[in-house]
Amino acid sequence: MFATDSSETPTAHVLVLVYSHPIQALLIESSNTLWACEYRGIYDLRVVPLLTIVACVSIQPLPPLLNDPPELCFVLEKSGLEEI
């Protein structure tokens, strides 16, 4: 949002795409190494303050197996954001 008064400090916001929680069966079967989530589409976008983000992840399509939910994705990389 933009400051309407010159005494206000503008706050940076970011647009994020929300995925489902990890699928528990795959998480358990993989000994907590495969964080597979369902893609929810562009209708699950959120705008959040930049300073609330604590990590960035890369979400990639998971090659489908028989009986998998459609459009499964997995967390490929999880990086912490260090304070500057």
PDB file of N, CA and C in Angstrom:
ATOM      1  N   MET A   1       0.840  -1.172   0.000  1.00  0.00           N
ATOM      2  CA  MET A   1       0.000   0.000   0.000  1.00  0.00           C
ATOM      3  C   MET A   1       0.888   1.239   0.000  1.00  0.00           C
ATOM      4  N   PHE A   2       0.388   2.289  -0.599  1.00  0.00           N
ATOM      5  CA  PHE A   2       1.123   3.535  -0.637  1.00  0.00           C
ATOM      6  C   PHE A   2       0.723   4.403   0.547  1.00  0.00           C
ATOM      7  N   ALA A   3       1.677   5.151   1.050  1.00  0.00           N
ATOM      8  CA  ALA A   3       1.400   6.052   2.167  1.00  0.00           C
ATOM      9  C   ALA A   3       0.563   7.220   1.658  1.00  0.00           C
ATOM     10  N   THR A   4      -0.446   7.567   2.423  1.00  0.00           N
ATOM     11  CA  THR A   4      -1.297   8.693   2.033  1.00  0.00           C
ATOM     12  C   THR A   4      -0.854   9.970   2.711  1.00  0.00           C
ATOM     13  N   ASP A   5      -0.090   9.851   3.752  1.00  0.00           N
ATOM     14  CA  ASP A   5       0.409  10.992   4.503  1.00  0.00           C
ATOM     15  C   ASP A   5       1.931  10.945   4.418  1.00  0.00           C
ATOM     16  N   SER A   6       2.570  12.087   4.218  1.00  0.00           N
ATOM     17  CA  SER A   6       4.022  12.100   4.060  1.00  0.00           C
ATOM     18  C   SER A   6       4.745  11.627   5.316  1.00  0.00           C
ATOM     19  N   SER A   7       4.071  11.562   6.457  1.00  0.00           N
ATOM     20  CA  SER A   7       4.711  11.091   7.688  1.00  0.00           C
ATOM     21  C   SER A   7       4.677   9.565   7.802  1.00  0.00           C
ATOM     22  N   GLU A   8       3.879   8.883   6.959  1.00  0.00           N
ATOM     23  CA  GLU A   8       3.801   7.425   7.005  1.00  0.00           C
ATOM     24  C   GLU A   8       4.923   6.807   6.173  1.00  0.00           C
ATOM     25  N   THR A   9       5.448   5.678   6.646  1.00  0.00           N
ATOM     26  CA  THR A   9       6.465   4.950   5.908  1.00  0.00           C
ATOM     27  C   THR A   9       5.777   3.878   5.069  1.00  0.00           C
ATOM     28  N   PRO A  10       6.066   3.833   3.763  1.00  0.00           N
ATOM     29  CA  PRO A  10       5.438   2.803   2.940  1.00  0.00           C
ATOM     30  C   PRO A  10       5.899   1.406   3.373  1.00  0.00           C
ATOM     31  N   THR A  11       5.022   0.430   3.227  1.00  0.00           N
ATOM     32  CA  THR A  11       5.326  -0.952   3.568  1.00  0.00           C
ATOM     33  C   THR A  11       5.335  -1.789   2.297  1.00  0.00           C
ATOM     34  N   ALA A  12       6.389  -2.579   2.114  1.00  0.00           N
ATOM     35  CA  ALA A  12       6.479  -3.445   0.936  1.00  0.00           C
ATOM     36  C   ALA A  12       5.624  -4.687   1.137  1.00  0.00           C
ATOM     37  N   HIS A  13       4.925  -5.093   0.090  1.00  0.00           N
ATOM     38  CA  HIS A  13       4.102  -6.298   0.106  1.00  0.00           C
ATOM     39  C   HIS A  13       4.506  -7.188  -1.071  1.00  0.00           C
ATOM     40  N   VAL A  14       4.233  -8.481  -0.942  1.00  0.00           N
ATOM     41  CA  VAL A  14       4.528  -9.421  -2.016  1.00  0.00           C
ATOM     42  C   VAL A  14       3.306 -10.291  -2.293  1.00  0.00           C
ATOM     43  N   LEU A  15       3.225 -10.769  -3.510  1.00  0.00           N
ATOM     44  CA  LEU A  15       2.152 -11.674  -3.917  1.00  0.00           C
ATOM     45  C   LEU A  15       2.689 -13.101  -3.840  1.00  0.00           C
ATOM     46  N   VAL A  16       2.008 -13.973  -3.096  1.00  0.00           N
ATOM     47  CA  VAL A  16       2.442 -15.364  -2.950  1.00  0.00           C
ATOM     48  C   VAL A  16       1.336 -16.303  -3.400  1.00  0.00           C
ATOM     49  N   LEU A  17       1.730 -17.469  -3.873  1.00  0.00           N
ATOM     50  CA  LEU A  17       0.796 -18.510  -4.279  1.00  0.00           C
ATOM     51  C   LEU A  17       0.769 -19.559  -3.180  1.00  0.00           C
ATOM     52  N   VAL A  18      -0.415 -19.873  -2.667  1.00  0.00           N
ATOM     53  CA  VAL A  18      -0.571 -20.797  -1.558  1.00  0.00           C
ATOM     54  C   VAL A  18      -0.840 -22.203  -2.092  1.00  0.00           C
ATOM     55  N   TYR A  19      -0.075 -23.166  -1.601  1.00  0.00           N
ATOM     56  CA  TYR A  19      -0.271 -24.576  -1.930  1.00  0.00           C
ATOM     57  C   TYR A  19      -0.906 -25.267  -0.733  1.00  0.00           C
ATOM     58  N   SER A  20      -1.345 -26.509  -0.909  1.00  0.00           N
ATOM     59  CA  SER A  20      -1.928 -27.263   0.201  1.00  0.00           C
ATOM     60  C   SER A  20      -0.848 -27.623   1.217  1.00  0.00           C
ATOM     61  N   HIS A  21      -1.278 -28.125   2.366  1.00  0.00           N
ATOM     62  CA  HIS A  21      -0.337 -28.694   3.325  1.00  0.00           C
ATOM     63  C   HIS A  21       0.286 -29.925   2.675  1.00  0.00           C
ATOM     64  N   PRO A  22       1.462 -30.366   3.133  1.00  0.00           N
ATOM     65  CA  PRO A  22       2.050 -31.588   2.572  1.00  0.00           C
ATOM     66  C   PRO A  22       1.097 -32.773   2.728  1.00  0.00           C
ATOM     67  N   ILE A  23       1.087 -33.643   1.739  1.00  0.00           N
ATOM     68  CA  ILE A  23       0.256 -34.838   1.783  1.00  0.00           C
ATOM     69  C   ILE A  23       0.894 -35.803   2.780  1.00  0.00           C
ATOM     70  N   GLN A  24       0.184 -36.063   3.874  1.00  0.00           N
ATOM     71  CA  GLN A  24       0.740 -36.810   5.000  1.00  0.00           C
ATOM     72  C   GLN A  24       1.222 -38.213   4.627  1.00  0.00           C
ATOM     73  N   ALA A  25       0.479 -38.924   3.808  1.00  0.00           N
ATOM     74  CA  ALA A  25       0.877 -40.294   3.443  1.00  0.00           C
ATOM     75  C   ALA A  25       2.237 -40.302   2.756  1.00  0.00           C
ATOM     76  N   LEU A  26       2.463 -39.364   1.828  1.00  0.00           N
ATOM     77  CA  LEU A  26       3.747 -39.303   1.132  1.00  0.00           C
ATOM     78  C   LEU A  26       4.855 -38.821   2.056  1.00  0.00           C
ATOM     79  N   LEU A  27       4.524 -37.910   2.948  1.00  0.00           N
ATOM     80  CA  LEU A  27       5.501 -37.399   3.900  1.00  0.00           C
ATOM     81  C   LEU A  27       5.976 -38.516   4.831  1.00  0.00           C
ATOM     82  N   ILE A  28       5.044 -39.297   5.340  1.00  0.00           N
ATOM     83  CA  ILE A  28       5.384 -40.404   6.249  1.00  0.00           C
ATOM     84  C   ILE A  28       6.159 -41.492   5.507  1.00  0.00           C
ATOM     85  N   GLU A  29       5.657 -41.868   4.321  1.00  0.00           N
ATOM     86  CA  GLU A  29       6.299 -42.930   3.545  1.00  0.00           C
ATOM     87  C   GLU A  29       7.732 -42.572   3.159  1.00  0.00           C
ATOM     88  N   SER A  30       8.007 -41.291   2.987  1.00  0.00           N
ATOM     89  CA  SER A  30       9.337 -40.842   2.566  1.00  0.00           C
ATOM     90  C   SER A  30      10.224 -40.428   3.740  1.00  0.00           C
ATOM     91  N   SER A  31       9.811 -40.744   4.964  1.00  0.00           N
ATOM     92  CA  SER A  31      10.563 -40.358   6.170  1.00  0.00           C
ATOM     93  C   SER A  31      10.783 -38.851   6.233  1.00  0.00           C
ATOM     94  N   ASN A  32       9.720 -38.100   5.926  1.00  0.00           N
ATOM     95  CA  ASN A  32       9.718 -36.628   5.969  1.00  0.00           C
ATOM     96  C   ASN A  32      10.680 -35.976   4.976  1.00  0.00           C
ATOM     97  N   THR A  33      10.939 -36.644   3.848  1.00  0.00           N
ATOM     98  CA  THR A  33      11.825 -36.040   2.854  1.00  0.00           C
ATOM     99  C   THR A  33      11.087 -35.525   1.623  1.00  0.00           C
ATOM    100  N   LEU A  34       9.902 -36.045   1.344  1.00  0.00           N
ATOM    101  CA  LEU A  34       9.124 -35.593   0.177  1.00  0.00           C
ATOM    102  C   LEU A  34       7.947 -34.754   0.652  1.00  0.00           C
ATOM    103  N   TRP A  35       8.071 -33.460   0.462  1.00  0.00           N
ATOM    104  CA  TRP A  35       6.990 -32.534   0.810  1.00  0.00           C
ATOM    105  C   TRP A  35       6.171 -32.296  -0.446  1.00  0.00           C
ATOM    106  N   ALA A  36       5.230 -33.201  -0.722  1.00  0.00           N
ATOM    107  CA  ALA A  36       4.370 -33.095  -1.900  1.00  0.00           C
ATOM    108  C   ALA A  36       3.100 -32.338  -1.526  1.00  0.00           C
ATOM    109  N   CYS A  37       2.758 -31.353  -2.340  1.00  0.00           N
ATOM    110  CA  CYS A  37       1.595 -30.500  -2.089  1.00  0.00           C
ATOM    111  C   CYS A  37       0.738 -30.435  -3.344  1.00  0.00           C
ATOM    112  N   GLU A  38      -0.515 -30.057  -3.164  1.00  0.00           N
ATOM    113  CA  GLU A  38      -1.402 -29.888  -4.310  1.00  0.00           C
ATOM    114  C   GLU A  38      -1.439 -28.421  -4.721  1.00  0.00           C
ATOM    115  N   TYR A  39      -1.323 -28.208  -6.030  1.00  0.00           N
ATOM    116  CA  TYR A  39      -1.439 -26.864  -6.600  1.00  0.00           C
ATOM    117  C   TYR A  39      -2.895 -26.441  -6.525  1.00  0.00           C
ATOM    118  N   ARG A  40      -3.165 -25.253  -6.020  1.00  0.00           N
ATOM    119  CA  ARG A  40      -4.544 -24.788  -5.855  1.00  0.00           C
ATOM    120  C   ARG A  40      -4.974 -23.794  -6.923  1.00  0.00           C
ATOM    121  N   GLY A  41      -4.072 -23.418  -7.792  1.00  0.00           N
ATOM    122  CA  GLY A  41      -4.428 -22.521  -8.882  1.00  0.00           C
ATOM    123  C   GLY A  41      -4.282 -21.055  -8.516  1.00  0.00           C
ATOM    124  N   ILE A  42      -4.559 -20.229  -9.491  1.00  0.00           N
ATOM    125  CA  ILE A  42      -4.364 -18.785  -9.315  1.00  0.00           C
ATOM    126  C   ILE A  42      -5.392 -18.153  -8.388  1.00  0.00           C
ATOM    127  N   TYR A  43      -6.397 -18.925  -7.997  1.00  0.00           N
ATOM    128  CA  TYR A  43      -7.423 -18.369  -7.131  1.00  0.00           C
ATOM    129  C   TYR A  43      -7.022 -18.409  -5.666  1.00  0.00           C
ATOM    130  N   ASP A  44      -5.844 -18.941  -5.364  1.00  0.00           N
ATOM    131  CA  ASP A  44      -5.355 -18.975  -3.984  1.00  0.00           C
ATOM    132  C   ASP A  44      -4.094 -18.131  -3.847  1.00  0.00           C
ATOM    133  N   LEU A  45      -4.186 -16.913  -4.327  1.00  0.00           N
ATOM    134  CA  LEU A  45      -3.101 -15.948  -4.198  1.00  0.00           C
ATOM    135  C   LEU A  45      -3.317 -15.111  -2.945  1.00  0.00           C
ATOM    136  N   ARG A  46      -2.234 -14.693  -2.317  1.00  0.00           N
ATOM    137  CA  ARG A  46      -2.315 -13.839  -1.132  1.00  0.00           C
ATOM    138  C   ARG A  46      -1.298 -12.708  -1.257  1.00  0.00           C
ATOM    139  N   VAL A  47      -1.631 -11.563  -0.734  1.00  0.00           N
ATOM    140  CA  VAL A  47      -0.697 -10.450  -0.616  1.00  0.00           C
ATOM    141  C   VAL A  47      -0.320 -10.356   0.848  1.00  0.00           C
ATOM    142  N   VAL A  48       0.981 -10.445   1.127  1.00  0.00           N
ATOM    143  CA  VAL A  48       1.460 -10.418   2.510  1.00  0.00           C
ATOM    144  C   VAL A  48       2.564  -9.380   2.647  1.00  0.00           C
ATOM    145  N   PRO A  49       2.743  -8.826   3.855  1.00  0.00           N
ATOM    146  CA  PRO A  49       3.861  -7.897   4.061  1.00  0.00           C
ATOM    147  C   PRO A  49       5.193  -8.614   3.844  1.00  0.00           C
ATOM    148  N   LEU A  50       6.118  -7.971   3.187  1.00  0.00           N
ATOM    149  CA  LEU A  50       7.417  -8.555   2.876  1.00  0.00           C
ATOM    150  C   LEU A  50       8.134  -9.053   4.128  1.00  0.00           C
ATOM    151  N   LEU A  51       8.054  -8.315   5.203  1.00  0.00           N
ATOM    152  CA  LEU A  51       8.788  -8.670   6.414  1.00  0.00           C
ATOM    153  C   LEU A  51       8.243  -9.902   7.131  1.00  0.00           C
ATOM    154  N   THR A  52       7.095 -10.437   6.703  1.00  0.00           N
ATOM    155  CA  THR A  52       6.559 -11.649   7.328  1.00  0.00           C
ATOM    156  C   THR A  52       7.127 -12.923   6.696  1.00  0.00           C
ATOM    157  N   ILE A  53       7.864 -12.791   5.608  1.00  0.00           N
ATOM    158  CA  ILE A  53       8.418 -13.962   4.925  1.00  0.00           C
ATOM    159  C   ILE A  53       9.680 -14.399   5.653  1.00  0.00           C
ATOM    160  N   VAL A  54       9.729 -15.694   6.008  1.00  0.00           N
ATOM    161  CA  VAL A  54      10.892 -16.226   6.724  1.00  0.00           C
ATOM    162  C   VAL A  54      11.702 -17.204   5.875  1.00  0.00           C
ATOM    163  N   ALA A  55      11.165 -17.672   4.742  1.00  0.00           N
ATOM    164  CA  ALA A  55      11.900 -18.585   3.874  1.00  0.00           C
ATOM    165  C   ALA A  55      11.320 -18.537   2.465  1.00  0.00           C
ATOM    166  N   CYS A  56      12.151 -18.886   1.492  1.00  0.00           N
ATOM    167  CA  CYS A  56      11.711 -19.008   0.103  1.00  0.00           C
ATOM    168  C   CYS A  56      11.882 -20.463  -0.309  1.00  0.00           C
ATOM    169  N   VAL A  57      10.957 -20.970  -1.098  1.00  0.00           N
ATOM    170  CA  VAL A  57      11.054 -22.344  -1.581  1.00  0.00           C
ATOM    171  C   VAL A  57      10.823 -22.374  -3.075  1.00  0.00           C
ATOM    172  N   SER A  58      11.348 -23.398  -3.694  1.00  0.00           N
ATOM    173  CA  SER A  58      11.090 -23.655  -5.104  1.00  0.00           C
ATOM    174  C   SER A  58      10.112 -24.816  -5.177  1.00  0.00           C
ATOM    175  N   ILE A  59       8.986 -24.613  -5.832  1.00  0.00           N
ATOM    176  CA  ILE A  59       7.964 -25.644  -5.982  1.00  0.00           C
ATOM    177  C   ILE A  59       8.011 -26.137  -7.430  1.00  0.00           C
ATOM    178  N   GLN A  60       8.179 -27.445  -7.601  1.00  0.00           N
ATOM    179  CA  GLN A  60       8.308 -28.043  -8.929  1.00  0.00           C
ATOM    180  C   GLN A  60       7.230 -29.101  -9.134  1.00  0.00           C
ATOM    181  N   PRO A  61       6.815 -29.338 -10.385  1.00  0.00           N
ATOM    182  CA  PRO A  61       5.840 -30.416 -10.650  1.00  0.00           C
ATOM    183  C   PRO A  61       6.433 -31.778 -10.286  1.00  0.00           C
ATOM    184  N   LEU A  62       5.634 -32.596  -9.649  1.00  0.00           N
ATOM    185  CA  LEU A  62       6.046 -33.957  -9.296  1.00  0.00           C
ATOM    186  C   LEU A  62       5.583 -34.903 -10.396  1.00  0.00           C
ATOM    187  N   PRO A  63       6.497 -35.706 -10.970  1.00  0.00           N
ATOM    188  CA  PRO A  63       6.050 -36.648 -12.001  1.00  0.00           C
ATOM    189  C   PRO A  63       4.944 -37.542 -11.442  1.00  0.00           C
ATOM    190  N   PRO A  64       3.820 -37.638 -12.151  1.00  0.00           N
ATOM    191  CA  PRO A  64       2.669 -38.366 -11.609  1.00  0.00           C
ATOM    192  C   PRO A  64       2.871 -39.878 -11.593  1.00  0.00           C
ATOM    193  N   LEU A  65       2.364 -40.500 -10.541  1.00  0.00           N
ATOM    194  CA  LEU A  65       2.301 -41.950 -10.435  1.00  0.00           C
ATOM    195  C   LEU A  65       0.835 -42.356 -10.413  1.00  0.00           C
ATOM    196  N   LEU A  66       0.569 -43.627 -10.586  1.00  0.00           N
ATOM    197  CA  LEU A  66      -0.791 -44.137 -10.571  1.00  0.00           C
ATOM    198  C   LEU A  66      -1.486 -43.767  -9.262  1.00  0.00           C
ATOM    199  N   ASN A  67      -2.694 -43.259  -9.334  1.00  0.00           N
ATOM    200  CA  ASN A  67      -3.541 -42.870  -8.194  1.00  0.00           C
ATOM    201  C   ASN A  67      -3.079 -41.621  -7.456  1.00  0.00           C
ATOM    202  N   ASP A  68      -2.120 -40.884  -7.994  1.00  0.00           N
ATOM    203  CA  ASP A  68      -1.730 -39.613  -7.384  1.00  0.00           C
ATOM    204  C   ASP A  68      -2.787 -38.555  -7.676  1.00  0.00           C
ATOM    205  N   PRO A  69      -2.993 -37.620  -6.755  1.00  0.00           N
ATOM    206  CA  PRO A  69      -3.871 -36.483  -7.055  1.00  0.00           C
ATOM    207  C   PRO A  69      -3.301 -35.688  -8.236  1.00  0.00           C
ATOM    208  N   PRO A  70      -4.153 -35.015  -8.991  1.00  0.00           N
ATOM    209  CA  PRO A  70      -3.650 -34.231 -10.129  1.00  0.00           C
ATOM    210  C   PRO A  70      -2.844 -33.026  -9.656  1.00  0.00           C
ATOM    211  N   GLU A  71      -1.909 -32.626 -10.474  1.00  0.00           N
ATOM    212  CA  GLU A  71      -1.099 -31.423 -10.263  1.00  0.00           C
ATOM    213  C   GLU A  71      -0.369 -31.413  -8.924  1.00  0.00           C
ATOM    214  N   LEU A  72       0.284 -32.516  -8.589  1.00  0.00           N
ATOM    215  CA  LEU A  72       1.109 -32.542  -7.390  1.00  0.00           C
ATOM    216  C   LEU A  72       2.417 -31.800  -7.652  1.00  0.00           C
ATOM    217  N   CYS A  73       2.891 -31.115  -6.645  1.00  0.00           N
ATOM    218  CA  CYS A  73       4.157 -30.407  -6.705  1.00  0.00           C
ATOM    219  C   CYS A  73       4.960 -30.788  -5.473  1.00  0.00           C
ATOM    220  N   PHE A  74       6.260 -30.500  -5.504  1.00  0.00           N
ATOM    221  CA  PHE A  74       7.069 -30.788  -4.332  1.00  0.00           C
ATOM    222  C   PHE A  74       8.045 -29.652  -4.079  1.00  0.00           C
ATOM    223  N   VAL A  75       8.456 -29.547  -2.828  1.00  0.00           N
ATOM    224  CA  VAL A  75       9.421 -28.521  -2.427  1.00  0.00           C
ATOM    225  C   VAL A  75      10.794 -29.020  -2.838  1.00  0.00           C
ATOM    226  N   LEU A  76      11.436 -28.292  -3.735  1.00  0.00           N
ATOM    227  CA  LEU A  76      12.743 -28.694  -4.233  1.00  0.00           C
ATOM    228  C   LEU A  76      13.865 -28.119  -3.382  1.00  0.00           C
ATOM    229  N   GLU A  77      13.687 -26.887  -2.933  1.00  0.00           N
ATOM    230  CA  GLU A  77      14.750 -26.236  -2.180  1.00  0.00           C
ATOM    231  C   GLU A  77      14.114 -25.319  -1.150  1.00  0.00           C
ATOM    232  N   LYS A  78      14.677 -25.324   0.042  1.00  0.00           N
ATOM    233  CA  LYS A  78      14.190 -24.451   1.101  1.00  0.00           C
ATOM    234  C   LYS A  78      15.364 -23.631   1.611  1.00  0.00           C
ATOM    235  N   SER A  79      15.259 -22.327   1.473  1.00  0.00           N
ATOM    236  CA  SER A  79      16.351 -21.451   1.877  1.00  0.00           C
ATOM    237  C   SER A  79      15.867 -20.497   2.962  1.00  0.00           C
ATOM    238  N   GLY A  80      16.643 -20.340   3.988  1.00  0.00           N
ATOM    239  CA  GLY A  80      16.310 -19.365   5.028  1.00  0.00           C
ATOM    240  C   GLY A  80      16.705 -17.973   4.579  1.00  0.00           C
ATOM    241  N   LEU A  81      16.027 -16.984   5.081  1.00  0.00           N
ATOM    242  CA  LEU A  81      16.374 -15.604   4.774  1.00  0.00           C
ATOM    243  C   LEU A  81      17.122 -15.040   5.980  1.00  0.00           C
ATOM    244  N   GLU A  82      18.406 -14.802   5.797  1.00  0.00           N
ATOM    245  CA  GLU A  82      19.197 -14.276   6.887  1.00  0.00           C
ATOM    246  C   GLU A  82      18.934 -12.788   7.047  1.00  0.00           C
ATOM    247  N   GLU A  83      19.015 -12.352   8.295  1.00  0.00           N
ATOM    248  CA  GLU A  83      18.854 -10.917   8.548  1.00  0.00           C
ATOM    249  C   GLU A  83      20.081 -10.189   8.076  1.00  0.00           C
ATOM    250  N   ILE A  84      19.859  -9.034   7.538  1.00  0.00           N
ATOM    251  CA  ILE A  84      20.985  -8.220   7.046  1.00  0.00           C
ATOM    252  C   ILE A  84      21.389  -7.236   8.107  1.00  0.00           C
TER     253      ILE A  84
END
